[in-house]
Full PDB file with SEQRES, HELIX, SHEET, SSBOND, CRYST1, ORIGX, SCALE, CONECT and MASTER records, all heavy atoms in Angstrom:
SEQRES   1 A   41  LEU ASN PRO TYR ALA LEU MET VAL GLY VAL THR THR VAL          
SEQRES   2 A   41  ALA LEU PHE MET MET HIS GLY SER ILE TYR VAL VAL MET          
SEQRES   3 A   41  LYS THR GLN GLY PRO LEU HIS ASP GLN ALA ARG ASN TRP          
SEQRES   4 A   41  VAL HIS                                                      
HELIX    1 AA1 PRO A    3  LYS A   27  1                                  25    
HELIX    2 AA2 GLY A   30  VAL A   40  1                                  11    
CRYST1    1.000    1.000    1.000  90.00  90.00  90.00 P 1           1          
ORIGX1      1.000000  0.000000  0.000000        0.00000                         
ORIGX2      0.000000  1.000000  0.000000        0.00000                         
ORIGX3      0.000000  0.000000  1.000000        0.00000                         
SCALE1      1.000000  0.000000  0.000000        0.00000                         
SCALE2      0.000000  1.000000  0.000000        0.00000                         
SCALE3      0.000000  0.000000  1.000000        0.00000                         
ATOM      1  N   LEU A   1       0.816  -1.192  -0.055  1.00  0.00           N  
ATOM      2  CA  LEU A   1       0.043   0.012  -0.036  1.00  0.00           C  
ATOM      3  C   LEU A   1       0.900   1.250  -0.044  1.00  0.00           C  
ATOM      4  O   LEU A   1       0.606   2.212   0.742  1.00  0.00           O  
ATOM      5  CB  LEU A   1      -0.906  -0.008   1.275  1.00  0.00           C  
ATOM      6  CG  LEU A   1      -1.902  -1.161   1.289  1.00  0.00           C  
ATOM      7  CD1 LEU A   1      -2.743  -1.212   2.570  1.00  0.00           C  
ATOM      8  CD2 LEU A   1      -2.814  -1.212   0.078  1.00  0.00           C  
ATOM      9  N   ASN A   2       1.893   1.263  -0.810  1.00  0.00           N  
ATOM     10  CA  ASN A   2       2.852   2.408  -0.907  1.00  0.00           C  
ATOM     11  C   ASN A   2       2.170   3.486  -1.700  1.00  0.00           C  
ATOM     12  O   ASN A   2       1.179   3.216  -2.470  1.00  0.00           O  
ATOM     13  CB  ASN A   2       4.161   1.938  -1.535  1.00  0.00           C  
ATOM     14  CG  ASN A   2       3.952   1.388  -2.878  1.00  0.00           C  
ATOM     15  OD1 ASN A   2       3.809   2.077  -3.925  1.00  0.00           O  
ATOM     16  ND2 ASN A   2       3.939  -0.013  -2.925  1.00  0.00           N  
ATOM     17  N   PRO A   3       2.653   4.731  -1.618  1.00  0.00           N  
ATOM     18  CA  PRO A   3       2.016   5.884  -2.283  1.00  0.00           C  
ATOM     19  C   PRO A   3       1.869   5.639  -3.774  1.00  0.00           C  
ATOM     20  O   PRO A   3       0.815   6.040  -4.371  1.00  0.00           O  
ATOM     21  CB  PRO A   3       2.859   7.050  -1.849  1.00  0.00           C  
ATOM     22  CG  PRO A   3       3.532   6.650  -0.576  1.00  0.00           C  
ATOM     23  CD  PRO A   3       3.698   5.183  -0.622  1.00  0.00           C  
ATOM     24  N   TYR A   4       2.908   5.109  -4.407  1.00  0.00           N  
ATOM     25  CA  TYR A   4       2.915   4.940  -5.802  1.00  0.00           C  
ATOM     26  C   TYR A   4       1.783   4.009  -6.348  1.00  0.00           C  
ATOM     27  O   TYR A   4       1.073   4.315  -7.260  1.00  0.00           O  
ATOM     28  CB  TYR A   4       4.229   4.539  -6.300  1.00  0.00           C  
ATOM     29  CG  TYR A   4       4.311   4.397  -7.811  1.00  0.00           C  
ATOM     30  CD1 TYR A   4       4.488   5.466  -8.656  1.00  0.00           C  
ATOM     31  CD2 TYR A   4       4.113   3.052  -8.452  1.00  0.00           C  
ATOM     32  CE1 TYR A   4       4.516   5.301 -10.123  1.00  0.00           C  
ATOM     33  CE2 TYR A   4       4.234   2.900  -9.803  1.00  0.00           C  
ATOM     34  CZ  TYR A   4       4.398   4.041 -10.583  1.00  0.00           C  
ATOM     35  OH  TYR A   4       4.375   3.889 -11.960  1.00  0.00           O  
ATOM     36  N   ALA A   5       1.743   2.854  -5.630  1.00  0.00           N  
ATOM     37  CA  ALA A   5       0.687   1.905  -5.971  1.00  0.00           C  
ATOM     38  C   ALA A   5      -0.729   2.513  -5.793  1.00  0.00           C  
ATOM     39  O   ALA A   5      -1.665   2.234  -6.592  1.00  0.00           O  
ATOM     40  CB  ALA A   5       0.890   0.606  -5.108  1.00  0.00           C  
ATOM     41  N   LEU A   6      -0.849   3.267  -4.703  1.00  0.00           N  
ATOM     42  CA  LEU A   6      -2.222   3.871  -4.430  1.00  0.00           C  
ATOM     43  C   LEU A   6      -2.550   4.926  -5.527  1.00  0.00           C  
ATOM     44  O   LEU A   6      -3.703   5.019  -5.940  1.00  0.00           O  
ATOM     45  CB  LEU A   6      -2.267   4.531  -3.142  1.00  0.00           C  
ATOM     46  CG  LEU A   6      -2.146   3.507  -1.839  1.00  0.00           C  
ATOM     47  CD1 LEU A   6      -2.036   4.386  -0.614  1.00  0.00           C  
ATOM     48  CD2 LEU A   6      -3.284   2.531  -1.881  1.00  0.00           C  
ATOM     49  N   MET A   7      -1.508   5.597  -5.984  1.00  0.00           N  
ATOM     50  CA  MET A   7      -1.659   6.594  -7.112  1.00  0.00           C  
ATOM     51  C   MET A   7      -2.072   5.898  -8.389  1.00  0.00           C  
ATOM     52  O   MET A   7      -3.022   6.393  -9.079  1.00  0.00           O  
ATOM     53  CB  MET A   7      -0.344   7.424  -7.306  1.00  0.00           C  
ATOM     54  CG  MET A   7      -0.456   8.481  -8.342  1.00  0.00           C  
ATOM     55  SD  MET A   7       1.109   9.302  -8.616  1.00  0.00           S  
ATOM     56  CE  MET A   7       1.442   9.968  -7.017  1.00  0.00           C  
ATOM     57  N   VAL A   8      -1.452   4.765  -8.681  1.00  0.00           N  
ATOM     58  CA  VAL A   8      -1.893   3.982  -9.800  1.00  0.00           C  
ATOM     59  C   VAL A   8      -3.310   3.517  -9.733  1.00  0.00           C  
ATOM     60  O   VAL A   8      -4.075   3.399 -10.614  1.00  0.00           O  
ATOM     61  CB  VAL A   8      -0.865   2.945 -10.172  1.00  0.00           C  
ATOM     62  CG1 VAL A   8      -1.328   2.145 -11.336  1.00  0.00           C  
ATOM     63  CG2 VAL A   8       0.528   3.431 -10.465  1.00  0.00           C  
ATOM     64  N   GLY A   9      -3.678   3.201  -8.400  1.00  0.00           N  
ATOM     65  CA  GLY A   9      -4.967   2.651  -8.199  1.00  0.00           C  
ATOM     66  C   GLY A   9      -6.053   3.744  -8.449  1.00  0.00           C  
ATOM     67  O   GLY A   9      -7.046   3.524  -9.120  1.00  0.00           O  
ATOM     68  N   VAL A  10      -5.766   4.984  -8.033  1.00  0.00           N  
ATOM     69  CA  VAL A  10      -6.692   6.135  -8.340  1.00  0.00           C  
ATOM     70  C   VAL A  10      -6.775   6.442  -9.802  1.00  0.00           C  
ATOM     71  O   VAL A  10      -7.853   6.584 -10.325  1.00  0.00           O  
ATOM     72  CB  VAL A  10      -6.228   7.347  -7.584  1.00  0.00           C  
ATOM     73  CG1 VAL A  10      -7.101   8.511  -7.919  1.00  0.00           C  
ATOM     74  CG2 VAL A  10      -6.272   7.170  -6.124  1.00  0.00           C  
ATOM     75  N   THR A  11      -5.579   6.292 -10.478  1.00  0.00           N  
ATOM     76  CA  THR A  11      -5.541   6.537 -11.886  1.00  0.00           C  
ATOM     77  C   THR A  11      -6.417   5.471 -12.649  1.00  0.00           C  
ATOM     78  O   THR A  11      -7.130   5.831 -13.621  1.00  0.00           O  
ATOM     79  CB  THR A  11      -4.068   6.549 -12.443  1.00  0.00           C  
ATOM     80  OG1 THR A  11      -3.381   7.521 -11.792  1.00  0.00           O  
ATOM     81  CG2 THR A  11      -4.022   6.795 -13.965  1.00  0.00           C  
ATOM     82  N   THR A  12      -6.369   4.259 -12.195  1.00  0.00           N  
ATOM     83  CA  THR A  12      -7.034   3.139 -12.799  1.00  0.00           C  
ATOM     84  C   THR A  12      -8.578   3.335 -12.675  1.00  0.00           C  
ATOM     85  O   THR A  12      -9.383   3.172 -13.499  1.00  0.00           O  
ATOM     86  CB  THR A  12      -6.710   1.813 -12.279  1.00  0.00           C  
ATOM     87  OG1 THR A  12      -5.226   1.658 -12.418  1.00  0.00           O  
ATOM     88  CG2 THR A  12      -7.408   0.655 -12.938  1.00  0.00           C  
ATOM     89  N   VAL A  13      -8.986   3.841 -11.483  1.00  0.00           N  
ATOM     90  CA  VAL A  13     -10.426   4.182 -11.160  1.00  0.00           C  
ATOM     91  C   VAL A  13     -10.843   5.268 -12.208  1.00  0.00           C  
ATOM     92  O   VAL A  13     -11.942   5.218 -12.720  1.00  0.00           O  
ATOM     93  CB  VAL A  13     -10.592   4.620  -9.764  1.00  0.00           C  
ATOM     94  CG1 VAL A  13     -12.066   5.200  -9.567  1.00  0.00           C  
ATOM     95  CG2 VAL A  13     -10.380   3.458  -8.811  1.00  0.00           C  
ATOM     96  N   ALA A  14     -10.011   6.217 -12.329  1.00  0.00           N  
ATOM     97  CA  ALA A  14     -10.302   7.345 -13.219  1.00  0.00           C  
ATOM     98  C   ALA A  14     -10.495   6.875 -14.697  1.00  0.00           C  
ATOM     99  O   ALA A  14     -11.351   7.240 -15.473  1.00  0.00           O  
ATOM    100  CB  ALA A  14      -9.265   8.455 -13.155  1.00  0.00           C  
ATOM    101  N   LEU A  15      -9.594   5.958 -15.120  1.00  0.00           N  
ATOM    102  CA  LEU A  15      -9.592   5.398 -16.447  1.00  0.00           C  
ATOM    103  C   LEU A  15     -10.950   4.602 -16.632  1.00  0.00           C  
ATOM    104  O   LEU A  15     -11.576   4.758 -17.724  1.00  0.00           O  
ATOM    105  CB  LEU A  15      -8.460   4.546 -16.672  1.00  0.00           C  
ATOM    106  CG  LEU A  15      -8.415   3.749 -17.946  1.00  0.00           C  
ATOM    107  CD1 LEU A  15      -8.308   4.653 -19.199  1.00  0.00           C  
ATOM    108  CD2 LEU A  15      -7.114   2.728 -18.033  1.00  0.00           C  
ATOM    109  N   PHE A  16     -11.265   3.775 -15.681  1.00  0.00           N  
ATOM    110  CA  PHE A  16     -12.445   3.020 -15.866  1.00  0.00           C  
ATOM    111  C   PHE A  16     -13.694   3.885 -15.750  1.00  0.00           C  
ATOM    112  O   PHE A  16     -14.796   3.493 -16.337  1.00  0.00           O  
ATOM    113  CB  PHE A  16     -12.550   1.972 -14.744  1.00  0.00           C  
ATOM    114  CG  PHE A  16     -11.531   0.778 -15.006  1.00  0.00           C  
ATOM    115  CD1 PHE A  16     -11.323  -0.168 -14.050  1.00  0.00           C  
ATOM    116  CD2 PHE A  16     -10.847   0.782 -16.157  1.00  0.00           C  
ATOM    117  CE1 PHE A  16     -10.486  -1.176 -14.224  1.00  0.00           C  
ATOM    118  CE2 PHE A  16      -9.883  -0.278 -16.317  1.00  0.00           C  
ATOM    119  CZ  PHE A  16      -9.661  -1.306 -15.464  1.00  0.00           C  
ATOM    120  N   MET A  17     -13.701   4.942 -14.966  1.00  0.00           N  
ATOM    121  CA  MET A  17     -14.846   5.933 -14.947  1.00  0.00           C  
ATOM    122  C   MET A  17     -15.017   6.452 -16.411  1.00  0.00           C  
ATOM    123  O   MET A  17     -16.156   6.556 -16.848  1.00  0.00           O  
ATOM    124  CB  MET A  17     -14.578   7.022 -14.006  1.00  0.00           C  
ATOM    125  CG  MET A  17     -14.703   6.589 -12.502  1.00  0.00           C  
ATOM    126  SD  MET A  17     -14.180   7.876 -11.392  1.00  0.00           S  
ATOM    127  CE  MET A  17     -15.268   9.224 -11.797  1.00  0.00           C  
ATOM    128  N   MET A  18     -13.910   6.860 -17.073  1.00  0.00           N  
ATOM    129  CA  MET A  18     -14.049   7.436 -18.366  1.00  0.00           C  
ATOM    130  C   MET A  18     -14.496   6.462 -19.381  1.00  0.00           C  
ATOM    131  O   MET A  18     -15.435   6.627 -20.126  1.00  0.00           O  
ATOM    132  CB  MET A  18     -12.722   8.048 -18.714  1.00  0.00           C  
ATOM    133  CG  MET A  18     -12.633   8.650 -20.150  1.00  0.00           C  
ATOM    134  SD  MET A  18     -10.988   9.251 -20.711  1.00  0.00           S  
ATOM    135  CE  MET A  18     -10.182   7.576 -20.855  1.00  0.00           C  
ATOM    136  N   HIS A  19     -13.903   5.289 -19.345  1.00  0.00           N  
ATOM    137  CA  HIS A  19     -14.170   4.258 -20.241  1.00  0.00           C  
ATOM    138  C   HIS A  19     -15.718   3.729 -20.164  1.00  0.00           C  
ATOM    139  O   HIS A  19     -16.416   3.581 -21.084  1.00  0.00           O  
ATOM    140  CB  HIS A  19     -13.289   3.013 -20.084  1.00  0.00           C  
ATOM    141  CG  HIS A  19     -13.307   2.045 -21.160  1.00  0.00           C  
ATOM    142  ND1 HIS A  19     -12.953   2.252 -22.459  1.00  0.00           N  
ATOM    143  CD2 HIS A  19     -13.782   0.743 -21.113  1.00  0.00           C  
ATOM    144  CE1 HIS A  19     -13.129   1.186 -23.228  1.00  0.00           C  
ATOM    145  NE2 HIS A  19     -13.576   0.247 -22.340  1.00  0.00           N  
ATOM    146  N   GLY A  20     -16.152   3.633 -18.852  1.00  0.00           N  
ATOM    147  CA  GLY A  20     -17.488   3.127 -18.577  1.00  0.00           C  
ATOM    148  C   GLY A  20     -18.478   4.176 -19.034  1.00  0.00           C  
ATOM    149  O   GLY A  20     -19.560   3.882 -19.599  1.00  0.00           O  
ATOM    150  N   SER A  21     -18.187   5.491 -18.698  1.00  0.00           N  
ATOM    151  CA  SER A  21     -19.113   6.476 -19.191  1.00  0.00           C  
ATOM    152  C   SER A  21     -19.269   6.631 -20.615  1.00  0.00           C  
ATOM    153  O   SER A  21     -20.324   6.915 -21.239  1.00  0.00           O  
ATOM    154  CB  SER A  21     -18.783   7.782 -18.462  1.00  0.00           C  
ATOM    155  OG  SER A  21     -17.479   8.166 -18.890  1.00  0.00           O  
ATOM    156  N   ILE A  22     -18.126   6.381 -21.370  1.00  0.00           N  
ATOM    157  CA  ILE A  22     -18.177   6.441 -22.780  1.00  0.00           C  
ATOM    158  C   ILE A  22     -18.977   5.327 -23.339  1.00  0.00           C  
ATOM    159  O   ILE A  22     -19.770   5.403 -24.279  1.00  0.00           O  
ATOM    160  CB  ILE A  22     -16.766   6.300 -23.396  1.00  0.00           C  
ATOM    161  CG1 ILE A  22     -15.965   7.598 -23.092  1.00  0.00           C  
ATOM    162  CG2 ILE A  22     -16.777   6.086 -24.895  1.00  0.00           C  
ATOM    163  CD1 ILE A  22     -14.515   7.534 -23.443  1.00  0.00           C  
ATOM    164  N   TYR A  23     -18.904   4.092 -22.699  1.00  0.00           N  
ATOM    165  CA  TYR A  23     -19.685   3.039 -23.076  1.00  0.00           C  
ATOM    166  C   TYR A  23     -21.261   3.246 -22.913  1.00  0.00           C  
ATOM    167  O   TYR A  23     -22.104   2.887 -23.722  1.00  0.00           O  
ATOM    168  CB  TYR A  23     -19.318   1.734 -22.343  1.00  0.00           C  
ATOM    169  CG  TYR A  23     -19.986   0.437 -22.761  1.00  0.00           C  
ATOM    170  CD1 TYR A  23     -19.654  -0.170 -23.894  1.00  0.00           C  
ATOM    171  CD2 TYR A  23     -21.027  -0.117 -21.937  1.00  0.00           C  
ATOM    172  CE1 TYR A  23     -20.286  -1.296 -24.357  1.00  0.00           C  
ATOM    173  CE2 TYR A  23     -21.662  -1.204 -22.383  1.00  0.00           C  
ATOM    174  CZ  TYR A  23     -21.328  -1.821 -23.611  1.00  0.00           C  
ATOM    175  OH  TYR A  23     -21.935  -2.973 -23.950  1.00  0.00           O  
ATOM    176  N   VAL A  24     -21.507   3.890 -21.825  1.00  0.00           N  
ATOM    177  CA  VAL A  24     -22.973   4.237 -21.571  1.00  0.00           C  
ATOM    178  C   VAL A  24     -23.463   5.205 -22.625  1.00  0.00           C  
ATOM    179  O   VAL A  24     -24.548   5.047 -23.066  1.00  0.00           O  
ATOM    180  CB  VAL A  24     -23.051   4.868 -20.117  1.00  0.00           C  
ATOM    181  CG1 VAL A  24     -24.529   5.392 -19.974  1.00  0.00           C  
ATOM    182  CG2 VAL A  24     -22.771   3.847 -19.095  1.00  0.00           C  
ATOM    183  N   VAL A  25     -22.585   6.174 -23.027  1.00  0.00           N  
ATOM    184  CA  VAL A  25     -23.026   7.151 -24.065  1.00  0.00           C  
ATOM    185  C   VAL A  25     -23.274   6.360 -25.352  1.00  0.00           C  
ATOM    186  O   VAL A  25     -24.204   6.665 -26.115  1.00  0.00           O  
ATOM    187  CB  VAL A  25     -21.869   8.181 -24.254  1.00  0.00           C  
ATOM    188  CG1 VAL A  25     -22.163   8.983 -25.533  1.00  0.00           C  
ATOM    189  CG2 VAL A  25     -21.840   9.184 -23.061  1.00  0.00           C  
ATOM    190  N   MET A  26     -22.374   5.451 -25.676  1.00  0.00           N  
ATOM    191  CA  MET A  26     -22.508   4.579 -26.941  1.00  0.00           C  
ATOM    192  C   MET A  26     -23.767   3.810 -26.932  1.00  0.00           C  
ATOM    193  O   MET A  26     -24.313   3.516 -28.011  1.00  0.00           O  
ATOM    194  CB  MET A  26     -21.262   3.797 -27.152  1.00  0.00           C  
ATOM    195  CG  MET A  26     -21.208   3.057 -28.453  1.00  0.00           C  
ATOM    196  SD  MET A  26     -19.628   2.103 -28.654  1.00  0.00           S  
ATOM    197  CE  MET A  26     -19.903   0.819 -27.427  1.00  0.00           C  
ATOM    198  N   LYS A  27     -24.186   3.293 -25.746  1.00  0.00           N  
ATOM    199  CA  LYS A  27     -25.262   2.322 -25.749  1.00  0.00           C  
ATOM    200  C   LYS A  27     -26.656   3.011 -25.386  1.00  0.00           C  
ATOM    201  O   LYS A  27     -27.722   2.266 -25.399  1.00  0.00           O  
ATOM    202  CB  LYS A  27     -24.953   1.299 -24.701  1.00  0.00           C  
ATOM    203  CG  LYS A  27     -23.777   0.412 -25.008  1.00  0.00           C  
ATOM    204  CD  LYS A  27     -23.919  -0.426 -26.274  1.00  0.00           C  
ATOM    205  CE  LYS A  27     -24.914  -1.494 -26.051  1.00  0.00           C  
ATOM    206  NZ  LYS A  27     -25.107  -2.404 -27.221  1.00  0.00           N  
ATOM    207  N   THR A  28     -26.698   4.250 -25.140  1.00  0.00           N  
ATOM    208  CA  THR A  28     -28.021   4.791 -24.621  1.00  0.00           C  
ATOM    209  C   THR A  28     -28.480   5.996 -25.595  1.00  0.00           C  
ATOM    210  O   THR A  28     -27.687   6.374 -26.480  1.00  0.00           O  
ATOM    211  CB  THR A  28     -27.925   5.313 -23.193  1.00  0.00           C  
ATOM    212  OG1 THR A  28     -26.894   6.265 -23.073  1.00  0.00           O  
ATOM    213  CG2 THR A  28     -27.645   4.147 -22.256  1.00  0.00           C  
ATOM    214  N   GLN A  29     -29.654   6.442 -25.309  1.00  0.00           N  
ATOM    215  CA  GLN A  29     -30.106   7.644 -26.038  1.00  0.00           C  
ATOM    216  C   GLN A  29     -31.019   8.469 -25.118  1.00  0.00           C  
ATOM    217  O   GLN A  29     -31.316   7.904 -23.873  1.00  0.00           O  
ATOM    218  CB  GLN A  29     -30.894   7.139 -27.189  1.00  0.00           C  
ATOM    219  CG  GLN A  29     -32.057   6.207 -27.020  1.00  0.00           C  
ATOM    220  CD  GLN A  29     -32.689   5.819 -28.257  1.00  0.00           C  
ATOM    221  OE1 GLN A  29     -32.456   6.290 -29.321  1.00  0.00           O  
ATOM    222  NE2 GLN A  29     -33.672   4.802 -28.124  1.00  0.00           N  
ATOM    223  N   GLY A  30     -31.454   9.585 -25.370  1.00  0.00           N  
ATOM    224  CA  GLY A  30     -32.360  10.343 -24.659  1.00  0.00           C  
ATOM    225  C   GLY A  30     -31.709  11.058 -23.455  1.00  0.00           C  
ATOM    226  O   GLY A  30     -30.498  11.297 -23.485  1.00  0.00           O  
ATOM    227  N   PRO A  31     -32.429  11.221 -22.375  1.00  0.00           N  
ATOM    228  CA  PRO A  31     -31.900  11.977 -21.172  1.00  0.00           C  
ATOM    229  C   PRO A  31     -30.664  11.256 -20.577  1.00  0.00           C  
ATOM    230  O   PRO A  31     -29.680  11.887 -20.133  1.00  0.00           O  
ATOM    231  CB  PRO A  31     -33.039  11.919 -20.228  1.00  0.00           C  
ATOM    232  CG  PRO A  31     -34.272  11.804 -21.115  1.00  0.00           C  
ATOM    233  CD  PRO A  31     -33.931  10.944 -22.202  1.00  0.00           C  
ATOM    234  N   LEU A  32     -30.699   9.999 -20.502  1.00  0.00           N  
ATOM    235  CA  LEU A  32     -29.585   9.211 -19.937  1.00  0.00           C  
ATOM    236  C   LEU A  32     -28.331   9.394 -20.788  1.00  0.00           C  
ATOM    237  O   LEU A  32     -27.159   9.597 -20.282  1.00  0.00           O  
ATOM    238  CB  LEU A  32     -29.890   7.702 -19.780  1.00  0.00           C  
ATOM    239  CG  LEU A  32     -28.726   6.863 -19.164  1.00  0.00           C  
ATOM    240  CD1 LEU A  32     -28.353   7.348 -17.818  1.00  0.00           C  
ATOM    241  CD2 LEU A  32     -29.236   5.404 -19.223  1.00  0.00           C  
ATOM    242  N   HIS A  33     -28.470   9.370 -22.127  1.00  0.00           N  
ATOM    243  CA  HIS A  33     -27.344   9.664 -22.980  1.00  0.00           C  
ATOM    244  C   HIS A  33     -26.799  11.090 -22.761  1.00  0.00           C  
ATOM    245  O   HIS A  33     -25.517  11.217 -22.654  1.00  0.00           O  
ATOM    246  CB  HIS A  33     -27.842   9.549 -24.508  1.00  0.00           C  
ATOM    247  CG  HIS A  33     -26.830   9.895 -25.513  1.00  0.00           C  
ATOM    248  ND1 HIS A  33     -26.634  11.255 -25.927  1.00  0.00           N  
ATOM    249  CD2 HIS A  33     -25.861   9.165 -26.146  1.00  0.00           C  
ATOM    250  CE1 HIS A  33     -25.655  11.174 -26.781  1.00  0.00           C  
ATOM    251  NE2 HIS A  33     -25.185  10.016 -26.993  1.00  0.00           N  
ATOM    252  N   ASP A  34     -27.596  12.071 -22.633  1.00  0.00           N  
ATOM    253  CA  ASP A  34     -27.201  13.394 -22.415  1.00  0.00           C  
ATOM    254  C   ASP A  34     -26.435  13.617 -21.108  1.00  0.00           C  
ATOM    255  O   ASP A  34     -25.452  14.253 -20.986  1.00  0.00           O  
ATOM    256  CB  ASP A  34     -28.354  14.409 -22.539  1.00  0.00           C  
ATOM    257  CG  ASP A  34     -28.994  14.356 -23.888  1.00  0.00           C  
ATOM    258  OD1 ASP A  34     -28.336  14.032 -24.809  1.00  0.00           O  
ATOM    259  OD2 ASP A  34     -30.194  14.722 -23.928  1.00  0.00           O  
ATOM    260  N   GLN A  35     -26.914  12.862 -20.061  1.00  0.00           N  
ATOM    261  CA  GLN A  35     -26.332  12.942 -18.735  1.00  0.00           C  
ATOM    262  C   GLN A  35     -24.962  12.286 -18.760  1.00  0.00           C  
ATOM    263  O   GLN A  35     -24.060  12.687 -18.188  1.00  0.00           O  
ATOM    264  CB  GLN A  35     -27.271  12.306 -17.756  1.00  0.00           C  
ATOM    265  CG  GLN A  35     -26.668  12.398 -16.250  1.00  0.00           C  
ATOM    266  CD  GLN A  35     -27.661  11.817 -15.205  1.00  0.00           C  
ATOM    267  OE1 GLN A  35     -28.624  11.154 -15.663  1.00  0.00           O  
ATOM    268  NE2 GLN A  35     -27.387  11.943 -14.036  1.00  0.00           N  
ATOM    269  N   ALA A  36     -24.911  11.140 -19.483  1.00  0.00           N  
ATOM    270  CA  ALA A  36     -23.656  10.402 -19.578  1.00  0.00           C  
ATOM    271  C   ALA A  36     -22.527  11.173 -20.336  1.00  0.00           C  
ATOM    272  O   ALA A  36     -21.444  10.985 -20.027  1.00  0.00           O  
ATOM    273  CB  ALA A  36     -23.945   9.051 -20.286  1.00  0.00           C  
ATOM    274  N   ARG A  37     -22.952  11.988 -21.240  1.00  0.00           N  
ATOM    275  CA  ARG A  37     -21.994  12.831 -21.926  1.00  0.00           C  
ATOM    276  C   ARG A  37     -21.272  13.718 -20.951  1.00  0.00           C  
ATOM    277  O   ARG A  37     -20.026  13.987 -21.003  1.00  0.00           O  
ATOM    278  CB  ARG A  37     -22.694  13.589 -23.024  1.00  0.00           C  
ATOM    279  CG  ARG A  37     -23.034  12.787 -24.228  1.00  0.00           C  
ATOM    280  CD  ARG A  37     -23.584  13.753 -25.414  1.00  0.00           C  
ATOM    281  NE  ARG A  37     -22.697  14.623 -25.890  1.00  0.00           N  
ATOM    282  CZ  ARG A  37     -21.766  14.444 -26.859  1.00  0.00           C  
ATOM    283  NH1 ARG A  37     -21.710  13.163 -27.342  1.00  0.00           N  
ATOM    284  NH2 ARG A  37     -20.917  15.294 -27.187  1.00  0.00           N  
ATOM    285  N   ASN A  38     -22.012  14.239 -19.978  1.00  0.00           N  
ATOM    286  CA  ASN A  38     -21.365  15.063 -18.946  1.00  0.00           C  
ATOM    287  C   ASN A  38     -20.447  14.296 -18.076  1.00  0.00           C  
ATOM    288  O   ASN A  38     -19.414  14.738 -17.619  1.00  0.00           O  
ATOM    289  CB  ASN A  38     -22.499  15.704 -18.062  1.00  0.00           C  
ATOM    290  CG  ASN A  38     -23.265  16.776 -18.816  1.00  0.00           C  
ATOM    291  OD1 ASN A  38     -22.759  17.439 -19.685  1.00  0.00           O  
ATOM    292  ND2 ASN A  38     -24.562  16.832 -18.490  1.00  0.00           N  
ATOM    293  N   TRP A  39     -20.874  12.996 -17.781  1.00  0.00           N  
ATOM    294  CA  TRP A  39     -19.964  12.129 -17.025  1.00  0.00           C  
ATOM    295  C   TRP A  39     -18.590  12.017 -17.819  1.00  0.00           C  
ATOM    296  O   TRP A  39     -17.538  11.890 -17.191  1.00  0.00           O  
ATOM    297  CB  TRP A  39     -20.610  10.737 -16.903  1.00  0.00           C  
ATOM    298  CG  TRP A  39     -21.881  10.823 -16.030  1.00  0.00           C  
ATOM    299  CD1 TRP A  39     -22.384  11.742 -15.304  1.00  0.00           C  
ATOM    300  CD2 TRP A  39     -22.861   9.669 -16.018  1.00  0.00           C  
ATOM    301  NE1 TRP A  39     -23.535  11.450 -14.682  1.00  0.00           N  
ATOM    302  CE2 TRP A  39     -23.854  10.159 -15.127  1.00  0.00           C  
ATOM    303  CE3 TRP A  39     -22.904   8.358 -16.440  1.00  0.00           C  
ATOM    304  CZ2 TRP A  39     -24.955   9.357 -14.793  1.00  0.00           C  
ATOM    305  CZ3 TRP A  39     -23.998   7.648 -16.204  1.00  0.00           C  
ATOM    306  CH2 TRP A  39     -25.001   8.078 -15.340  1.00  0.00           C  
ATOM    307  N   VAL A  40     -18.704  11.813 -19.133  1.00  0.00           N  
ATOM    308  CA  VAL A  40     -17.462  11.606 -19.906  1.00  0.00           C  
ATOM    309  C   VAL A  40     -16.506  12.814 -19.704  1.00  0.00           C  
ATOM    310  O   VAL A  40     -15.316  12.647 -19.525  1.00  0.00           O  
ATOM    311  CB  VAL A  40     -17.784  11.486 -21.375  1.00  0.00           C  
ATOM    312  CG1 VAL A  40     -16.561  11.470 -22.203  1.00  0.00           C  
ATOM    313  CG2 VAL A  40     -18.602  10.187 -21.576  1.00  0.00           C  
ATOM    314  N   HIS A  41     -17.000  13.983 -19.827  1.00  0.00           N  
ATOM    315  CA  HIS A  41     -16.227  15.217 -19.687  1.00  0.00           C  
ATOM    316  C   HIS A  41     -15.565  15.255 -18.316  1.00  0.00           C  
ATOM    317  O   HIS A  41     -14.294  15.511 -18.171  1.00  0.00           O  
ATOM    318  CB  HIS A  41     -17.012  16.455 -19.993  1.00  0.00           C  
ATOM    319  CG  HIS A  41     -17.447  16.653 -21.353  1.00  0.00           C  
ATOM    320  ND1 HIS A  41     -18.680  16.314 -21.876  1.00  0.00           N  
ATOM    321  CD2 HIS A  41     -16.689  17.148 -22.434  1.00  0.00           C  
ATOM    322  CE1 HIS A  41     -18.722  16.542 -23.074  1.00  0.00           C  
ATOM    323  NE2 HIS A  41     -17.561  17.149 -23.542  1.00  0.00           N  
TER     324      HIS A  41                                                      
MASTER        0    0    0    2    0    0    0    6  323    1    0    4          
END                                                                             
C-alpha cells in the first residue's frame, strides 16, 4: 500500500470511470445519453 501503488490505483479508477461512461454514451439515448456525456467530460 505504498503511495505509488495507491496513485496508480486512483488513476485506474479514473480510467475506468471514463471508459465506462463512454460505453454508456454509446449504448443509450435520450436523457440518460445526455447525462452520460457530462460524465465523460
